[in-house]
Structure formats: structure tokens, C-alpha cells
Amino acid sequence: MRPLLVAAVFVGLSVPALAADVPPQGARPLSEITTSIEARDDFVSFVSIEYKDDVYKIRYRTRGGDERNIVVDPLSGTEKKKD
């Protein structure tokens, strides 16, 4: 019985951490954001898409074989300028 209780506590503590990395209420659908990137002249394929630090971090491959990294605001769907 004790191992089950310990496992339940660990699962319960990890759920809030997992839920924290989701886009905010009112965010644009990811499909809308990816469609706008797919429309770029140089787009070939997505390499990775990650929601982290309150932004989408998107990496895609270009026709020239390069990879581009962009950061997109989830609420507006616009690319953020790099600092």
C-alpha cells in the first residue's frame, strides 16, 4: 500500500508542472500559426515546434537546406523580434 501512496503523491505533484507549459487562454490555434509559416516562399518542412517561456519556438527547414528559428507570440500569432 505504501508504494502506491508514494507513486500517487509524485504524480499529483507533477501534474501542475505539466499544465504550466500550455498556451494562455485566448491563444491563436497552432494550426493557424503553422499555416502562416507554411505559406513562406522558403518553407520546406518543420523541424520542431515547442511552447516554452510563454512563446512558440519554431524551427523549420528552407529550400536552400538551412534551418531557421523563429519565436512566435501565441496571442497575436506574430513573430517576435530577437533581442
PDB file of N, CA and C in Angstrom:
ATOM      1  N   MET A   1       0.828  -1.196   0.000  1.00  0.00           N
ATOM      2  CA  MET A   1       0.000   0.000   0.000  1.00  0.00           C
ATOM      3  C   MET A   1       0.869   1.255   0.000  1.00  0.00           C
ATOM      4  N   ARG A   2       1.965   1.241   0.709  1.00  0.00           N
ATOM      5  CA  ARG A   2       2.832   2.406   0.823  1.00  0.00           C
ATOM      6  C   ARG A   2       3.430   2.819  -0.536  1.00  0.00           C
ATOM      7  N   PRO A   3       3.946   1.889  -1.384  1.00  0.00           N
ATOM      8  CA  PRO A   3       4.480   2.303  -2.691  1.00  0.00           C
ATOM      9  C   PRO A   3       3.417   2.979  -3.564  1.00  0.00           C
ATOM     10  N   LEU A   4       2.192   2.508  -3.462  1.00  0.00           N
ATOM     11  CA  LEU A   4       1.111   3.114  -4.237  1.00  0.00           C
ATOM     12  C   LEU A   4       0.865   4.549  -3.785  1.00  0.00           C
ATOM     13  N   LEU A   5       0.916   4.792  -2.504  1.00  0.00           N
ATOM     14  CA  LEU A   5       0.718   6.132  -1.957  1.00  0.00           C
ATOM     15  C   LEU A   5       1.840   7.060  -2.413  1.00  0.00           C
ATOM     16  N   VAL A   6       3.067   6.583  -2.369  1.00  0.00           N
ATOM     17  CA  VAL A   6       4.213   7.387  -2.805  1.00  0.00           C
ATOM     18  C   VAL A   6       4.079   7.729  -4.283  1.00  0.00           C
ATOM     19  N   ALA A   7       3.694   6.753  -5.093  1.00  0.00           N
ATOM     20  CA  ALA A   7       3.509   6.995  -6.534  1.00  0.00           C
ATOM     21  C   ALA A   7       2.406   8.020  -6.772  1.00  0.00           C
ATOM     22  N   ALA A   8       1.325   7.937  -6.032  1.00  0.00           N
ATOM     23  CA  ALA A   8       0.219   8.882  -6.195  1.00  0.00           C
ATOM     24  C   ALA A   8       0.645  10.298  -5.837  1.00  0.00           C
ATOM     25  N   VAL A   9       1.468  10.444  -4.814  1.00  0.00           N
ATOM     26  CA  VAL A   9       1.953  11.764  -4.417  1.00  0.00           C
ATOM     27  C   VAL A   9       2.839  12.350  -5.506  1.00  0.00           C
ATOM     28  N   PHE A  10       3.747  11.553  -6.069  1.00  0.00           N
ATOM     29  CA  PHE A  10       4.620  12.043  -7.139  1.00  0.00           C
ATOM     30  C   PHE A  10       3.825  12.457  -8.364  1.00  0.00           C
ATOM     31  N   VAL A  11       2.840  11.671  -8.743  1.00  0.00           N
ATOM     32  CA  VAL A  11       2.000  12.013  -9.894  1.00  0.00           C
ATOM     33  C   VAL A  11       1.232  13.294  -9.604  1.00  0.00           C
ATOM     34  N   GLY A  12       0.681  13.410  -8.427  1.00  0.00           N
ATOM     35  CA  GLY A  12      -0.068  14.607  -8.058  1.00  0.00           C
ATOM     36  C   GLY A  12       0.772  15.857  -8.064  1.00  0.00           C
ATOM     37  N   LEU A  13       2.021  15.753  -7.664  1.00  0.00           N
ATOM     38  CA  LEU A  13       2.907  16.915  -7.649  1.00  0.00           C
ATOM     39  C   LEU A  13       3.399  17.287  -9.045  1.00  0.00           C
ATOM     40  N   SER A  14       3.460  16.336  -9.946  1.00  0.00           N
ATOM     41  CA  SER A  14       3.981  16.627 -11.280  1.00  0.00           C
ATOM     42  C   SER A  14       2.925  17.196 -12.216  1.00  0.00           C
ATOM     43  N   VAL A  15       1.667  16.981 -11.963  1.00  0.00           N
ATOM     44  CA  VAL A  15       0.607  17.467 -12.852  1.00  0.00           C
ATOM     45  C   VAL A  15       0.610  18.985 -12.982  1.00  0.00           C
ATOM     46  N   PRO A  16       0.721  19.772 -11.914  1.00  0.00           N
ATOM     47  CA  PRO A  16       0.751  21.227 -12.092  1.00  0.00           C
ATOM     48  C   PRO A  16       1.935  21.694 -12.932  1.00  0.00           C
ATOM     49  N   ALA A  17       3.057  21.032 -12.842  1.00  0.00           N
ATOM     50  CA  ALA A  17       4.218  21.419 -13.637  1.00  0.00           C
ATOM     51  C   ALA A  17       3.951  21.183 -15.110  1.00  0.00           C
ATOM     52  N   LEU A  18       3.274  20.106 -15.440  1.00  0.00           N
ATOM     53  CA  LEU A  18       2.956  19.822 -16.834  1.00  0.00           C
ATOM     54  C   LEU A  18       1.926  20.811 -17.371  1.00  0.00           C
ATOM     55  N   ALA A  19       0.975  21.183 -16.577  1.00  0.00           N
ATOM     56  CA  ALA A  19      -0.085  22.081 -17.012  1.00  0.00           C
ATOM     57  C   ALA A  19       0.409  23.512 -17.196  1.00  0.00           C
ATOM     58  N   ALA A  20       1.542  23.867 -16.607  1.00  0.00           N
ATOM     59  CA  ALA A  20       2.048  25.230 -16.691  1.00  0.00           C
ATOM     60  C   ALA A  20       2.593  25.565 -18.074  1.00  0.00           C
ATOM     61  N   ASP A  21       2.998  24.573 -18.853  1.00  0.00           N
ATOM     62  CA  ASP A  21       3.566  24.817 -20.170  1.00  0.00           C
ATOM     63  C   ASP A  21       2.534  24.660 -21.276  1.00  0.00           C
ATOM     64  N   VAL A  22       1.438  25.346 -21.145  1.00  0.00           N
ATOM     65  CA  VAL A  22       0.411  25.366 -22.186  1.00  0.00           C
ATOM     66  C   VAL A  22       0.149  26.816 -22.564  1.00  0.00           C
ATOM     67  N   PRO A  23      -0.229  27.059 -23.810  1.00  0.00           N
ATOM     68  CA  PRO A  23      -0.513  28.442 -24.226  1.00  0.00           C
ATOM     69  C   PRO A  23      -1.625  29.056 -23.380  1.00  0.00           C
ATOM     70  N   PRO A  24      -1.611  30.371 -23.248  1.00  0.00           N
ATOM     71  CA  PRO A  24      -2.613  31.038 -22.418  1.00  0.00           C
ATOM     72  C   PRO A  24      -3.999  31.011 -23.055  1.00  0.00           C
ATOM     73  N   GLN A  25      -4.981  31.277 -22.240  1.00  0.00           N
ATOM     74  CA  GLN A  25      -6.363  31.394 -22.724  1.00  0.00           C
ATOM     75  C   GLN A  25      -6.411  32.470 -23.802  1.00  0.00           C
ATOM     76  N   GLY A  26      -7.054  32.198 -24.904  1.00  0.00           N
ATOM     77  CA  GLY A  26      -7.174  33.179 -25.978  1.00  0.00           C
ATOM     78  C   GLY A  26      -6.052  33.112 -27.005  1.00  0.00           C
ATOM     79  N   ALA A  27      -5.154  32.142 -26.862  1.00  0.00           N
ATOM     80  CA  ALA A  27      -4.056  31.996 -27.828  1.00  0.00           C
ATOM     81  C   ALA A  27      -4.604  31.570 -29.188  1.00  0.00           C
ATOM     82  N   ARG A  28      -3.922  31.985 -30.221  1.00  0.00           N
ATOM     83  CA  ARG A  28      -4.313  31.569 -31.578  1.00  0.00           C
ATOM     84  C   ARG A  28      -4.071  30.069 -31.709  1.00  0.00           C
ATOM     85  N   PRO A  29      -4.893  29.387 -32.501  1.00  0.00           N
ATOM     86  CA  PRO A  29      -4.664  27.953 -32.709  1.00  0.00           C
ATOM     87  C   PRO A  29      -3.301  27.719 -33.369  1.00  0.00           C
ATOM     88  N   LEU A  30      -2.621  26.684 -32.937  1.00  0.00           N
ATOM     89  CA  LEU A  30      -1.316  26.371 -33.506  1.00  0.00           C
ATOM     90  C   LEU A  30      -1.434  26.111 -35.011  1.00  0.00           C
ATOM     91  N   SER A  31      -2.539  25.539 -35.445  1.00  0.00           N
ATOM     92  CA  SER A  31      -2.731  25.283 -36.877  1.00  0.00           C
ATOM     93  C   SER A  31      -2.735  26.584 -37.676  1.00  0.00           C
ATOM     94  N   GLU A  32      -3.259  27.646 -37.116  1.00  0.00           N
ATOM     95  CA  GLU A  32      -3.275  28.947 -37.780  1.00  0.00           C
ATOM     96  C   GLU A  32      -1.847  29.510 -37.892  1.00  0.00           C
ATOM     97  N   ILE A  33      -1.080  29.340 -36.835  1.00  0.00           N
ATOM     98  CA  ILE A  33       0.298  29.831 -36.826  1.00  0.00           C
ATOM     99  C   ILE A  33       1.143  29.049 -37.820  1.00  0.00           C
ATOM    100  N   THR A  34       1.007  27.731 -37.819  1.00  0.00           N
ATOM    101  CA  THR A  34       1.813  26.922 -38.739  1.00  0.00           C
ATOM    102  C   THR A  34       1.420  27.153 -40.191  1.00  0.00           C
ATOM    103  N   THR A  35       0.152  27.412 -40.457  1.00  0.00           N
ATOM    104  CA  THR A  35      -0.286  27.693 -41.825  1.00  0.00           C
ATOM    105  C   THR A  35       0.389  28.946 -42.360  1.00  0.00           C
ATOM    106  N   SER A  36       0.530  29.972 -41.523  1.00  0.00           N
ATOM    107  CA  SER A  36       1.183  31.204 -41.979  1.00  0.00           C
ATOM    108  C   SER A  36       2.672  30.976 -42.253  1.00  0.00           C
ATOM    109  N   ILE A  37       3.302  30.088 -41.503  1.00  0.00           N
ATOM    110  CA  ILE A  37       4.715  29.784 -41.749  1.00  0.00           C
ATOM    111  C   ILE A  37       4.868  28.939 -43.005  1.00  0.00           C
ATOM    112  N   GLU A  38       3.957  28.003 -43.207  1.00  0.00           N
ATOM    113  CA  GLU A  38       3.996  27.164 -44.409  1.00  0.00           C
ATOM    114  C   GLU A  38       3.832  27.984 -45.683  1.00  0.00           C
ATOM    115  N   ALA A  39       3.210  29.139 -45.586  1.00  0.00           N
ATOM    116  CA  ALA A  39       2.990  29.996 -46.750  1.00  0.00           C
ATOM    117  C   ALA A  39       4.241  30.776 -47.165  1.00  0.00           C
ATOM    118  N   ARG A  40       5.281  30.744 -46.370  1.00  0.00           N
ATOM    119  CA  ARG A  40       6.512  31.461 -46.710  1.00  0.00           C
ATOM    120  C   ARG A  40       7.150  30.836 -47.954  1.00  0.00           C
ATOM    121  N   ASP A  41       7.765  31.688 -48.766  1.00  0.00           N
ATOM    122  CA  ASP A  41       8.389  31.222 -50.010  1.00  0.00           C
ATOM    123  C   ASP A  41       9.500  30.212 -49.776  1.00  0.00           C
ATOM    124  N   ASP A  42      10.231  30.350 -48.671  1.00  0.00           N
ATOM    125  CA  ASP A  42      11.384  29.485 -48.437  1.00  0.00           C
ATOM    126  C   ASP A  42      11.069  28.232 -47.626  1.00  0.00           C
ATOM    127  N   PHE A  43       9.815  28.048 -47.202  1.00  0.00           N
ATOM    128  CA  PHE A  43       9.444  26.938 -46.316  1.00  0.00           C
ATOM    129  C   PHE A  43       9.475  25.594 -47.043  1.00  0.00           C
ATOM    130  N   VAL A  44      10.055  24.577 -46.359  1.00  0.00           N
ATOM    131  CA  VAL A  44      10.013  23.199 -46.855  1.00  0.00           C
ATOM    132  C   VAL A  44       9.329  22.291 -45.834  1.00  0.00           C
ATOM    133  N   SER A  45       9.832  22.298 -44.571  1.00  0.00           N
ATOM    134  CA  SER A  45       9.236  21.435 -43.552  1.00  0.00           C
ATOM    135  C   SER A  45       9.579  21.942 -42.157  1.00  0.00           C
ATOM    136  N   PHE A  46       8.750  21.514 -41.202  1.00  0.00           N
ATOM    137  CA  PHE A  46       9.013  21.852 -39.808  1.00  0.00           C
ATOM    138  C   PHE A  46      10.024  20.865 -39.242  1.00  0.00           C
ATOM    139  N   VAL A  47      10.930  21.382 -38.439  1.00  0.00           N
ATOM    140  CA  VAL A  47      11.898  20.550 -37.732  1.00  0.00           C
ATOM    141  C   VAL A  47      11.409  20.343 -36.300  1.00  0.00           C
ATOM    142  N   SER A  48      10.968  21.425 -35.653  1.00  0.00           N
ATOM    143  CA  SER A  48      10.433  21.308 -34.292  1.00  0.00           C
ATOM    144  C   SER A  48       9.531  22.493 -33.973  1.00  0.00           C
ATOM    145  N   ILE A  49       8.567  22.227 -33.103  1.00  0.00           N
ATOM    146  CA  ILE A  49       7.675  23.267 -32.585  1.00  0.00           C
ATOM    147  C   ILE A  49       7.547  23.006 -31.096  1.00  0.00           C
ATOM    148  N   GLU A  50       7.825  24.043 -30.305  1.00  0.00           N
ATOM    149  CA  GLU A  50       7.822  23.883 -28.853  1.00  0.00           C
ATOM    150  C   GLU A  50       7.201  25.126 -28.224  1.00  0.00           C
ATOM    151  N   TYR A  51       6.356  24.918 -27.222  1.00  0.00           N
ATOM    152  CA  TYR A  51       5.842  26.042 -26.454  1.00  0.00           C
ATOM    153  C   TYR A  51       6.633  26.090 -25.161  1.00  0.00           C
ATOM    154  N   LYS A  52       7.391  27.176 -24.977  1.00  0.00           N
ATOM    155  CA  LYS A  52       8.248  27.296 -23.805  1.00  0.00           C
ATOM    156  C   LYS A  52       8.498  28.771 -23.538  1.00  0.00           C
ATOM    157  N   ASP A  53       8.571  29.140 -22.273  1.00  0.00           N
ATOM    158  CA  ASP A  53       8.837  30.525 -21.880  1.00  0.00           C
ATOM    159  C   ASP A  53       7.818  31.494 -22.469  1.00  0.00           C
ATOM    160  N   ASP A  54       6.560  31.062 -22.530  1.00  0.00           N
ATOM    161  CA  ASP A  54       5.431  31.879 -22.987  1.00  0.00           C
ATOM    162  C   ASP A  54       5.468  32.239 -24.468  1.00  0.00           C
ATOM    163  N   VAL A  55       6.207  31.497 -25.278  1.00  0.00           N
ATOM    164  CA  VAL A  55       6.245  31.706 -26.732  1.00  0.00           C
ATOM    165  C   VAL A  55       6.346  30.356 -27.435  1.00  0.00           C
ATOM    166  N   TYR A  56       5.973  30.341 -28.724  1.00  0.00           N
ATOM    167  CA  TYR A  56       6.241  29.176 -29.560  1.00  0.00           C
ATOM    168  C   TYR A  56       7.631  29.346 -30.137  1.00  0.00           C
ATOM    169  N   LYS A  57       8.463  28.328 -29.986  1.00  0.00           N
ATOM    170  CA  LYS A  57       9.788  28.310 -30.591  1.00  0.00           C
ATOM    171  C   LYS A  57       9.705  27.318 -31.747  1.00  0.00           C
ATOM    172  N   ILE A  58       9.843  27.850 -32.952  1.00  0.00           N
ATOM    173  CA  ILE A  58       9.616  27.050 -34.149  1.00  0.00           C
ATOM    174  C   ILE A  58      10.892  27.014 -34.988  1.00  0.00           C
ATOM    175  N   ARG A  59      11.244  25.830 -35.403  1.00  0.00           N
ATOM    176  CA  ARG A  59      12.397  25.644 -36.286  1.00  0.00           C
ATOM    177  C   ARG A  59      11.876  24.990 -37.562  1.00  0.00           C
ATOM    178  N   TYR A  60      12.242  25.583 -38.713  1.00  0.00           N
ATOM    179  CA  TYR A  60      11.819  24.979 -39.973  1.00  0.00           C
ATOM    180  C   TYR A  60      12.976  24.964 -40.970  1.00  0.00           C
ATOM    181  N   ARG A  61      12.839  24.084 -41.952  1.00  0.00           N
ATOM    182  CA  ARG A  61      13.864  23.914 -42.980  1.00  0.00           C
ATOM    183  C   ARG A  61      13.462  24.724 -44.215  1.00  0.00           C
ATOM    184  N   THR A  62      14.481  25.334 -44.853  1.00  0.00           N
ATOM    185  CA  THR A  62      14.234  26.157 -46.040  1.00  0.00           C
ATOM    186  C   THR A  62      14.602  25.391 -47.311  1.00  0.00           C
ATOM    187  N   ARG A  63      14.210  25.957 -48.443  1.00  0.00           N
ATOM    188  CA  ARG A  63      14.528  25.350 -49.742  1.00  0.00           C
ATOM    189  C   ARG A  63      16.031  25.232 -49.957  1.00  0.00           C
ATOM    190  N   GLY A  64      16.791  26.144 -49.399  1.00  0.00           N
ATOM    191  CA  GLY A  64      18.240  26.119 -49.525  1.00  0.00           C
ATOM    192  C   GLY A  64      18.912  25.118 -48.599  1.00  0.00           C
ATOM    193  N   GLY A  65      18.132  24.426 -47.771  1.00  0.00           N
ATOM    194  CA  GLY A  65      18.672  23.435 -46.864  1.00  0.00           C
ATOM    195  C   GLY A  65      19.038  23.978 -45.492  1.00  0.00           C
ATOM    196  N   ASP A  66      18.868  25.276 -45.292  1.00  0.00           N
ATOM    197  CA  ASP A  66      19.150  25.876 -43.982  1.00  0.00           C
ATOM    198  C   ASP A  66      17.994  25.605 -43.024  1.00  0.00           C
ATOM    199  N   GLU A  67      18.263  25.849 -41.752  1.00  0.00           N
ATOM    200  CA  GLU A  67      17.199  25.795 -40.752  1.00  0.00           C
ATOM    201  C   GLU A  67      17.047  27.177 -40.151  1.00  0.00           C
ATOM    202  N   ARG A  68      15.810  27.610 -40.023  1.00  0.00           N
ATOM    203  CA  ARG A  68      15.507  28.918 -39.434  1.00  0.00           C
ATOM    204  C   ARG A  68      14.796  28.715 -38.111  1.00  0.00           C
ATOM    205  N   ASN A  69      15.141  29.552 -37.148  1.00  0.00           N
ATOM    206  CA  ASN A  69      14.486  29.562 -35.841  1.00  0.00           C
ATOM    207  C   ASN A  69      13.687  30.843 -35.733  1.00  0.00           C
ATOM    208  N   ILE A  70      12.432  30.706 -35.367  1.00  0.00           N
ATOM    209  CA  ILE A  70      11.607  31.885 -35.136  1.00  0.00           C
ATOM    210  C   ILE A  70      10.879  31.722 -33.806  1.00  0.00           C
ATOM    211  N   VAL A  71      10.512  32.839 -33.225  1.00  0.00           N
ATOM    212  CA  VAL A  71       9.772  32.879 -31.972  1.00  0.00           C
ATOM    213  C   VAL A  71       8.456  33.590 -32.264  1.00  0.00           C
ATOM    214  N   VAL A  72       7.350  32.946 -31.900  1.00  0.00           N
ATOM    215  CA  VAL A  72       6.027  33.479 -32.226  1.00  0.00           C
ATOM    216  C   VAL A  72       5.218  33.703 -30.956  1.00  0.00           C
ATOM    217  N   ASP A  73       4.618  34.875 -30.859  1.00  0.00           N
ATOM    218  CA  ASP A  73       3.732  35.196 -29.746  1.00  0.00           C
ATOM    219  C   ASP A  73       2.447  34.385 -29.904  1.00  0.00           C
ATOM    220  N   PRO A  74       2.028  33.616 -28.893  1.00  0.00           N
ATOM    221  CA  PRO A  74       0.836  32.782 -29.031  1.00  0.00           C
ATOM    222  C   PRO A  74      -0.472  33.559 -29.105  1.00  0.00           C
ATOM    223  N   LEU A  75      -0.512  34.755 -28.547  1.00  0.00           N
ATOM    224  CA  LEU A  75      -1.760  35.533 -28.552  1.00  0.00           C
ATOM    225  C   LEU A  75      -1.979  36.246 -29.887  1.00  0.00           C
ATOM    226  N   SER A  76      -0.946  36.877 -30.409  1.00  0.00           N
ATOM    227  CA  SER A  76      -1.101  37.627 -31.663  1.00  0.00           C
ATOM    228  C   SER A  76      -0.778  36.782 -32.889  1.00  0.00           C
ATOM    229  N   GLY A  77       0.033  35.745 -32.711  1.00  0.00           N
ATOM    230  CA  GLY A  77       0.448  34.921 -33.845  1.00  0.00           C
ATOM    231  C   GLY A  77       1.553  35.539 -34.665  1.00  0.00           C
ATOM    232  N   THR A  78       2.114  36.640 -34.175  1.00  0.00           N
ATOM    233  CA  THR A  78       3.169  37.324 -34.924  1.00  0.00           C
ATOM    234  C   THR A  78       4.556  36.920 -34.420  1.00  0.00           C
ATOM    235  N   GLU A  79       5.514  37.023 -35.334  1.00  0.00           N
ATOM    236  CA  GLU A  79       6.887  36.704 -34.991  1.00  0.00           C
ATOM    237  C   GLU A  79       7.428  37.786 -34.085  1.00  0.00           C
ATOM    238  N   LYS A  80       8.101  37.357 -33.020  1.00  0.00           N
ATOM    239  CA  LYS A  80       8.708  38.320 -32.096  1.00  0.00           C
ATOM    240  C   LYS A  80      10.106  38.645 -32.576  1.00  0.00           C
ATOM    241  N   LYS A  81      10.483  39.868 -32.378  1.00  0.00           N
ATOM    242  CA  LYS A  81      11.844  40.292 -32.737  1.00  0.00           C
ATOM    243  C   LYS A  81      12.830  39.722 -31.741  1.00  0.00           C
ATOM    244  N   LYS A  82      14.001  39.342 -32.243  1.00  0.00           N
ATOM    245  CA  LYS A  82      15.046  38.858 -31.349  1.00  0.00           C
ATOM    246  C   LYS A  82      15.741  40.038 -30.707  1.00  0.00           C
ATOM    247  N   ASP A  83      16.093  39.880 -29.440  1.00  0.00           N
ATOM    248  CA  ASP A  83      16.774  40.963 -28.720  1.00  0.00           C
ATOM    249  C   ASP A  83      18.221  41.052 -29.131  1.00  0.00           C
TER     250      ASP A  83
END
